Amino acid sequence: MGKLYFVRHGQSQWNVENKICGATDIPLTDFGREQASLTADQIINQKIIADEILCSPLSRAKETAQIISEKTHIPLREEQALFEQNFGHYEGTPRDSQEFRQAKKNFLCRYGTGESMFQLAQRIYNLLDKIKSEDKTYILVAHNGIARIIQSYFYEMTNDEFADFGIKNCEIKTYVWS
């Protein structure tokens, strides 16, 4: 039975400001780079073995993955499917607003000019199905919206659980293929 590891990118300036980053390309802070380095150490210390790191092309995830790859010597490849969800008119707005929390439960809503949860889930589920069929172990480095979809792929979730789900910057989640 194989494993999949997921790492959320390090802290970005909009994380500090409690803003929705989504598809907006916001770079890491210095602390975010430090988090990425500590995550690489954690991967080494936990003896996590992976064939490859796949990362989002957005700079906050890509730089996190590059730091991890350099320290762990795990090869790195950009994966377009890991691009964060486009939250349309919510980009740059407060992450914890009640309006946004409710909007995340409307799975077909595209947030005006963005991408629906169904569209994102299709993209990520297709990637996970492909990865599952390979005889490899991957570390995916991406975003909180991607983490939510991955969690829903492995575990049944209510709409509230889905809307509330999130992981910390540079947290490592482990998933086991069944």
C-alpha atoms as a PDB file:
ATOM      1  CA  MET A   1       0.000   0.000   0.000  1.00  0.00           C
ATOM      2  CA  GLY A   2       1.560   3.284  -1.132  1.00  0.00           C
ATOM      3  CA  LYS A   3       1.553   6.684   0.491  1.00  0.00           C
ATOM      4  CA  LEU A   4       1.044  10.222  -0.638  1.00  0.00           C
ATOM      5  CA  TYR A   5       2.409  13.177   1.301  1.00  0.00           C
ATOM      6  CA  PHE A   6       0.967  16.667   1.070  1.00  0.00           C
ATOM      7  CA  VAL A   7       2.727  19.842   2.220  1.00  0.00           C
ATOM      8  CA  ARG A   8       1.097  23.248   2.189  1.00  0.00           C
ATOM      9  CA  HIS A   9       3.423  26.062   1.109  1.00  0.00           C
ATOM     10  CA  GLY A  10       5.205  28.261   3.630  1.00  0.00           C
ATOM     11  CA  GLN A  11       3.809  31.535   4.907  1.00  0.00           C
ATOM     12  CA  SER A  12       3.055  34.250   2.346  1.00  0.00           C
ATOM     13  CA  GLN A  13       2.433  37.936   3.010  1.00  0.00           C
ATOM     14  CA  TRP A  14      -1.295  37.461   2.377  1.00  0.00           C
ATOM     15  CA  ASN A  15      -1.314  34.633   4.941  1.00  0.00           C
ATOM     16  CA  VAL A  16       0.026  37.191   7.437  1.00  0.00           C
ATOM     17  CA  GLU A  17      -2.661  39.663   6.352  1.00  0.00           C
ATOM     18  CA  ASN A  18      -5.412  36.979   6.485  1.00  0.00           C
ATOM     19  CA  LYS A  19      -6.257  37.435   2.798  1.00  0.00           C
ATOM     20  CA  ILE A  20      -7.393  34.811   0.301  1.00  0.00           C
ATOM     21  CA  CYS A  21      -4.454  34.174  -2.040  1.00  0.00           C
ATOM     22  CA  GLY A  22      -6.081  31.744  -4.458  1.00  0.00           C
ATOM     23  CA  ALA A  23      -4.664  32.112  -7.962  1.00  0.00           C
ATOM     24  CA  THR A  24      -2.959  35.398  -7.094  1.00  0.00           C
ATOM     25  CA  ASP A  25       0.791  34.763  -7.098  1.00  0.00           C
ATOM     26  CA  ILE A  26       1.942  35.992  -3.686  1.00  0.00           C
ATOM     27  CA  PRO A  27       5.555  35.104  -2.718  1.00  0.00           C
ATOM     28  CA  LEU A  28       6.817  33.567   0.510  1.00  0.00           C
ATOM     29  CA  THR A  29       7.886  35.663   3.454  1.00  0.00           C
ATOM     30  CA  ASP A  30      11.306  35.083   5.026  1.00  0.00           C
ATOM     31  CA  PHE A  31       9.500  33.116   7.729  1.00  0.00           C
ATOM     32  CA  GLY A  32       7.842  31.026   4.998  1.00  0.00           C
ATOM     33  CA  ARG A  33      11.289  30.136   3.642  1.00  0.00           C
ATOM     34  CA  GLU A  34      12.388  29.175   7.145  1.00  0.00           C
ATOM     35  CA  GLN A  35       9.272  26.997   7.504  1.00  0.00           C
ATOM     36  CA  ALA A  36      10.122  25.235   4.222  1.00  0.00           C
ATOM     37  CA  SER A  37      13.647  24.515   5.432  1.00  0.00           C
ATOM     38  CA  LEU A  38      12.346  23.117   8.718  1.00  0.00           C
ATOM     39  CA  THR A  39       9.843  20.968   6.796  1.00  0.00           C
ATOM     40  CA  ALA A  40      12.705  19.541   4.732  1.00  0.00           C
ATOM     41  CA  ASP A  41      14.489  18.677   7.996  1.00  0.00           C
ATOM     42  CA  GLN A  42      11.302  17.018   9.241  1.00  0.00           C
ATOM     43  CA  ILE A  43      11.071  14.934   6.043  1.00  0.00           C
ATOM     44  CA  ILE A  44      14.675  13.833   6.521  1.00  0.00           C
ATOM     45  CA  ASN A  45      14.252  13.108  10.249  1.00  0.00           C
ATOM     46  CA  GLN A  46      11.035  11.138   9.689  1.00  0.00           C
ATOM     47  CA  LYS A  47      12.826   9.167   6.957  1.00  0.00           C
ATOM     48  CA  ILE A  48      10.115   9.993   4.442  1.00  0.00           C
ATOM     49  CA  ILE A  49      11.137   8.443   1.149  1.00  0.00           C
ATOM     50  CA  ALA A  50       9.579   9.799  -2.045  1.00  0.00           C
ATOM     51  CA  ASP A  51      10.293   9.332  -5.713  1.00  0.00           C
ATOM     52  CA  GLU A  52       9.385  12.872  -6.661  1.00  0.00           C
ATOM     53  CA  ILE A  53       8.008  16.176  -5.427  1.00  0.00           C
ATOM     54  CA  LEU A  54       5.200  17.640  -7.507  1.00  0.00           C
ATOM     55  CA  CYS A  55       4.454  21.310  -6.920  1.00  0.00           C
ATOM     56  CA  SER A  56       2.106  24.063  -7.926  1.00  0.00           C
ATOM     57  CA  PRO A  57       3.608  26.578 -10.364  1.00  0.00           C
ATOM     58  CA  LEU A  58       2.637  29.482  -8.065  1.00  0.00           C
ATOM     59  CA  SER A  59       5.776  30.967  -6.509  1.00  0.00           C
ATOM     60  CA  ARG A  60       4.839  30.404  -2.852  1.00  0.00           C
ATOM     61  CA  ALA A  61       4.453  26.647  -3.425  1.00  0.00           C
ATOM     62  CA  LYS A  62       7.238  26.330  -5.990  1.00  0.00           C
ATOM     63  CA  GLU A  63       9.810  28.018  -3.745  1.00  0.00           C
ATOM     64  CA  THR A  64       8.708  25.882  -0.779  1.00  0.00           C
ATOM     65  CA  ALA A  65       9.165  22.765  -2.935  1.00  0.00           C
ATOM     66  CA  GLN A  66      12.556  23.957  -4.218  1.00  0.00           C
ATOM     67  CA  ILE A  67      13.840  24.429  -0.668  1.00  0.00           C
ATOM     68  CA  ILE A  68      12.574  20.967   0.307  1.00  0.00           C
ATOM     69  CA  SER A  69      14.022  19.384  -2.840  1.00  0.00           C
ATOM     70  CA  GLU A  70      17.452  20.973  -2.361  1.00  0.00           C
ATOM     71  CA  LYS A  71      17.746  19.705   1.213  1.00  0.00           C
ATOM     72  CA  THR A  72      16.230  16.250   0.685  1.00  0.00           C
ATOM     73  CA  HIS A  73      17.616  15.600  -2.827  1.00  0.00           C
ATOM     74  CA  ILE A  74      14.154  14.463  -3.956  1.00  0.00           C
ATOM     75  CA  PRO A  75      13.624  15.464  -7.613  1.00  0.00           C
ATOM     76  CA  LEU A  76      11.115  18.228  -8.235  1.00  0.00           C
ATOM     77  CA  ARG A  77       8.612  18.766 -11.040  1.00  0.00           C
ATOM     78  CA  GLU A  78       5.992  21.465 -11.560  1.00  0.00           C
ATOM     79  CA  GLU A  79       2.462  20.122 -11.898  1.00  0.00           C
ATOM     80  CA  GLN A  80      -0.089  22.491 -13.442  1.00  0.00           C
ATOM     81  CA  ALA A  81      -2.995  20.601 -11.864  1.00  0.00           C
ATOM     82  CA  LEU A  82      -1.783  21.735  -8.409  1.00  0.00           C
ATOM     83  CA  PHE A  83      -2.425  25.409  -9.227  1.00  0.00           C
ATOM     84  CA  GLU A  84      -4.572  26.882  -6.449  1.00  0.00           C
ATOM     85  CA  GLN A  85      -8.273  27.480  -7.001  1.00  0.00           C
ATOM     86  CA  ASN A  86      -9.184  30.813  -8.539  1.00  0.00           C
ATOM     87  CA  PHE A  87     -11.520  32.390  -6.005  1.00  0.00           C
ATOM     88  CA  GLY A  88     -12.645  35.137  -8.391  1.00  0.00           C
ATOM     89  CA  HIS A  89     -13.924  38.237  -6.620  1.00  0.00           C
ATOM     90  CA  TYR A  90     -12.866  36.793  -3.227  1.00  0.00           C
ATOM     91  CA  GLU A  91      -9.140  37.001  -4.104  1.00  0.00           C
ATOM     92  CA  GLY A  92      -7.486  39.394  -1.634  1.00  0.00           C
ATOM     93  CA  THR A  93     -10.487  39.507   0.716  1.00  0.00           C
ATOM     94  CA  PRO A  94     -10.495  38.280   4.356  1.00  0.00           C
ATOM     95  CA  ARG A  95     -10.151  34.489   4.616  1.00  0.00           C
ATOM     96  CA  ASP A  96     -12.354  34.216   7.673  1.00  0.00           C
ATOM     97  CA  SER A  97     -15.356  36.177   6.405  1.00  0.00           C
ATOM     98  CA  GLN A  98     -18.701  34.487   6.938  1.00  0.00           C
ATOM     99  CA  GLU A  99     -19.630  35.268   3.331  1.00  0.00           C
ATOM    100  CA  PHE A 100     -16.615  33.367   1.987  1.00  0.00           C
ATOM    101  CA  ARG A 101     -17.175  30.459   4.379  1.00  0.00           C
ATOM    102  CA  GLN A 102     -20.713  30.092   3.071  1.00  0.00           C
ATOM    103  CA  ALA A 103     -19.608  30.526  -0.548  1.00  0.00           C
ATOM    104  CA  LYS A 104     -17.240  27.540  -0.200  1.00  0.00           C
ATOM    105  CA  LYS A 105     -20.319  25.360   0.371  1.00  0.00           C
ATOM    106  CA  ASN A 106     -21.763  26.334  -3.030  1.00  0.00           C
ATOM    107  CA  PHE A 107     -19.766  23.796  -4.993  1.00  0.00           C
ATOM    108  CA  LEU A 108     -20.909  24.989  -8.422  1.00  0.00           C
ATOM    109  CA  CYS A 109     -20.299  28.701  -7.761  1.00  0.00           C
ATOM    110  CA  ARG A 110     -17.412  30.233  -9.722  1.00  0.00           C
ATOM    111  CA  TYR A 111     -17.106  33.326  -7.498  1.00  0.00           C
ATOM    112  CA  GLY A 112     -17.818  35.581 -10.461  1.00  0.00           C
ATOM    113  CA  THR A 113     -14.677  35.032 -12.524  1.00  0.00           C
ATOM    114  CA  GLY A 114     -13.133  32.067 -10.722  1.00  0.00           C
ATOM    115  CA  GLU A 115     -13.279  28.293 -10.569  1.00  0.00           C
ATOM    116  CA  SER A 116     -15.935  26.193  -8.859  1.00  0.00           C
ATOM    117  CA  MET A 117     -15.161  23.551  -6.244  1.00  0.00           C
ATOM    118  CA  PHE A 118     -16.449  20.936  -8.721  1.00  0.00           C
ATOM    119  CA  GLN A 119     -13.996  22.124 -11.362  1.00  0.00           C
ATOM    120  CA  LEU A 120     -11.145  22.071  -8.854  1.00  0.00           C
ATOM    121  CA  ALA A 121     -12.151  18.640  -7.542  1.00  0.00           C
ATOM    122  CA  GLN A 122     -12.222  17.214 -11.065  1.00  0.00           C
ATOM    123  CA  ARG A 123      -8.722  18.549 -11.732  1.00  0.00           C
ATOM    124  CA  ILE A 124      -7.289  17.232  -8.456  1.00  0.00           C
ATOM    125  CA  TYR A 125      -9.178  13.919  -8.455  1.00  0.00           C
ATOM    126  CA  ASN A 126      -7.893  13.222 -11.989  1.00  0.00           C
ATOM    127  CA  LEU A 127      -4.338  13.889 -10.805  1.00  0.00           C
ATOM    128  CA  LEU A 128      -4.793  11.674  -7.737  1.00  0.00           C
ATOM    129  CA  ASP A 129      -6.256   8.857  -9.829  1.00  0.00           C
ATOM    130  CA  LYS A 130      -3.213   9.047 -12.123  1.00  0.00           C
ATOM    131  CA  ILE A 131      -0.759   9.110  -9.203  1.00  0.00           C
ATOM    132  CA  LYS A 132      -2.526   6.207  -7.511  1.00  0.00           C
ATOM    133  CA  SER A 133      -2.067   4.078 -10.644  1.00  0.00           C
ATOM    134  CA  GLU A 134       1.707   4.637 -10.607  1.00  0.00           C
ATOM    135  CA  ASP A 135       4.095   2.671  -8.455  1.00  0.00           C
ATOM    136  CA  LYS A 136       5.646   5.782  -6.912  1.00  0.00           C
ATOM    137  CA  THR A 137       5.516   7.814  -3.731  1.00  0.00           C
ATOM    138  CA  TYR A 138       4.988  11.537  -4.166  1.00  0.00           C
ATOM    139  CA  ILE A 139       5.172  14.632  -2.018  1.00  0.00           C
ATOM    140  CA  LEU A 140       2.718  17.226  -3.308  1.00  0.00           C
ATOM    141  CA  VAL A 141       3.486  20.847  -2.402  1.00  0.00           C
ATOM    142  CA  ALA A 142       0.553  23.134  -3.000  1.00  0.00           C
ATOM    143  CA  HIS A 143      -2.159  25.185  -1.313  1.00  0.00           C
ATOM    144  CA  ASN A 144      -4.865  25.014   1.324  1.00  0.00           C
ATOM    145  CA  GLY A 145      -7.653  24.754  -1.268  1.00  0.00           C
ATOM    146  CA  ILE A 146      -5.863  21.780  -2.809  1.00  0.00           C
ATOM    147  CA  ALA A 147      -5.429  20.259   0.681  1.00  0.00           C
ATOM    148  CA  ARG A 148      -9.196  20.455   1.183  1.00  0.00           C
ATOM    149  CA  ILE A 149      -9.876  18.598  -2.073  1.00  0.00           C
ATOM    150  CA  ILE A 150      -7.246  15.939  -1.315  1.00  0.00           C
ATOM    151  CA  GLN A 151      -8.776  15.404   2.130  1.00  0.00           C
ATOM    152  CA  SER A 152     -12.186  14.921   0.482  1.00  0.00           C
ATOM    153  CA  TYR A 153     -10.687  12.366  -1.924  1.00  0.00           C
ATOM    154  CA  PHE A 154      -9.491  10.176   0.958  1.00  0.00           C
ATOM    155  CA  TYR A 155     -12.222  10.835   3.554  1.00  0.00           C
ATOM    156  CA  GLU A 156     -15.958  11.411   3.535  1.00  0.00           C
ATOM    157  CA  MET A 157     -16.741  14.970   4.622  1.00  0.00           C
ATOM    158  CA  THR A 158     -19.879  16.991   5.257  1.00  0.00           C
ATOM    159  CA  ASN A 159     -20.184  20.384   3.584  1.00  0.00           C
ATOM    160  CA  ASP A 160     -19.334  22.084   6.886  1.00  0.00           C
ATOM    161  CA  GLU A 161     -16.288  19.849   7.432  1.00  0.00           C
ATOM    162  CA  PHE A 162     -15.166  20.590   3.887  1.00  0.00           C
ATOM    163  CA  ALA A 163     -15.604  24.368   4.267  1.00  0.00           C
ATOM    164  CA  ASP A 164     -13.810  24.354   7.641  1.00  0.00           C
ATOM    165  CA  PHE A 165     -10.925  22.072   6.638  1.00  0.00           C
ATOM    166  CA  GLY A 166      -7.471  23.561   6.426  1.00  0.00           C
ATOM    167  CA  ILE A 167      -3.884  22.838   7.314  1.00  0.00           C
ATOM    168  CA  LYS A 168      -1.087  25.047   8.598  1.00  0.00           C
ATOM    169  CA  ASN A 169       1.676  26.423   6.447  1.00  0.00           C
ATOM    170  CA  CYS A 170       4.279  23.695   5.816  1.00  0.00           C
ATOM    171  CA  GLU A 171       2.254  21.054   7.652  1.00  0.00           C
ATOM    172  CA  ILE A 172       2.834  17.542   6.320  1.00  0.00           C
ATOM    173  CA  LYS A 173      -0.244  15.331   5.815  1.00  0.00           C
ATOM    174  CA  THR A 174       0.130  11.634   5.068  1.00  0.00           C
ATOM    175  CA  TYR A 175      -2.414   9.695   3.026  1.00  0.00           C
ATOM    176  CA  VAL A 176      -2.418   5.936   2.445  1.00  0.00           C
ATOM    177  CA  TRP A 177      -3.821   4.488  -0.775  1.00  0.00           C
ATOM    178  CA  SER A 178      -6.390   1.809  -0.085  1.00  0.00           C
END
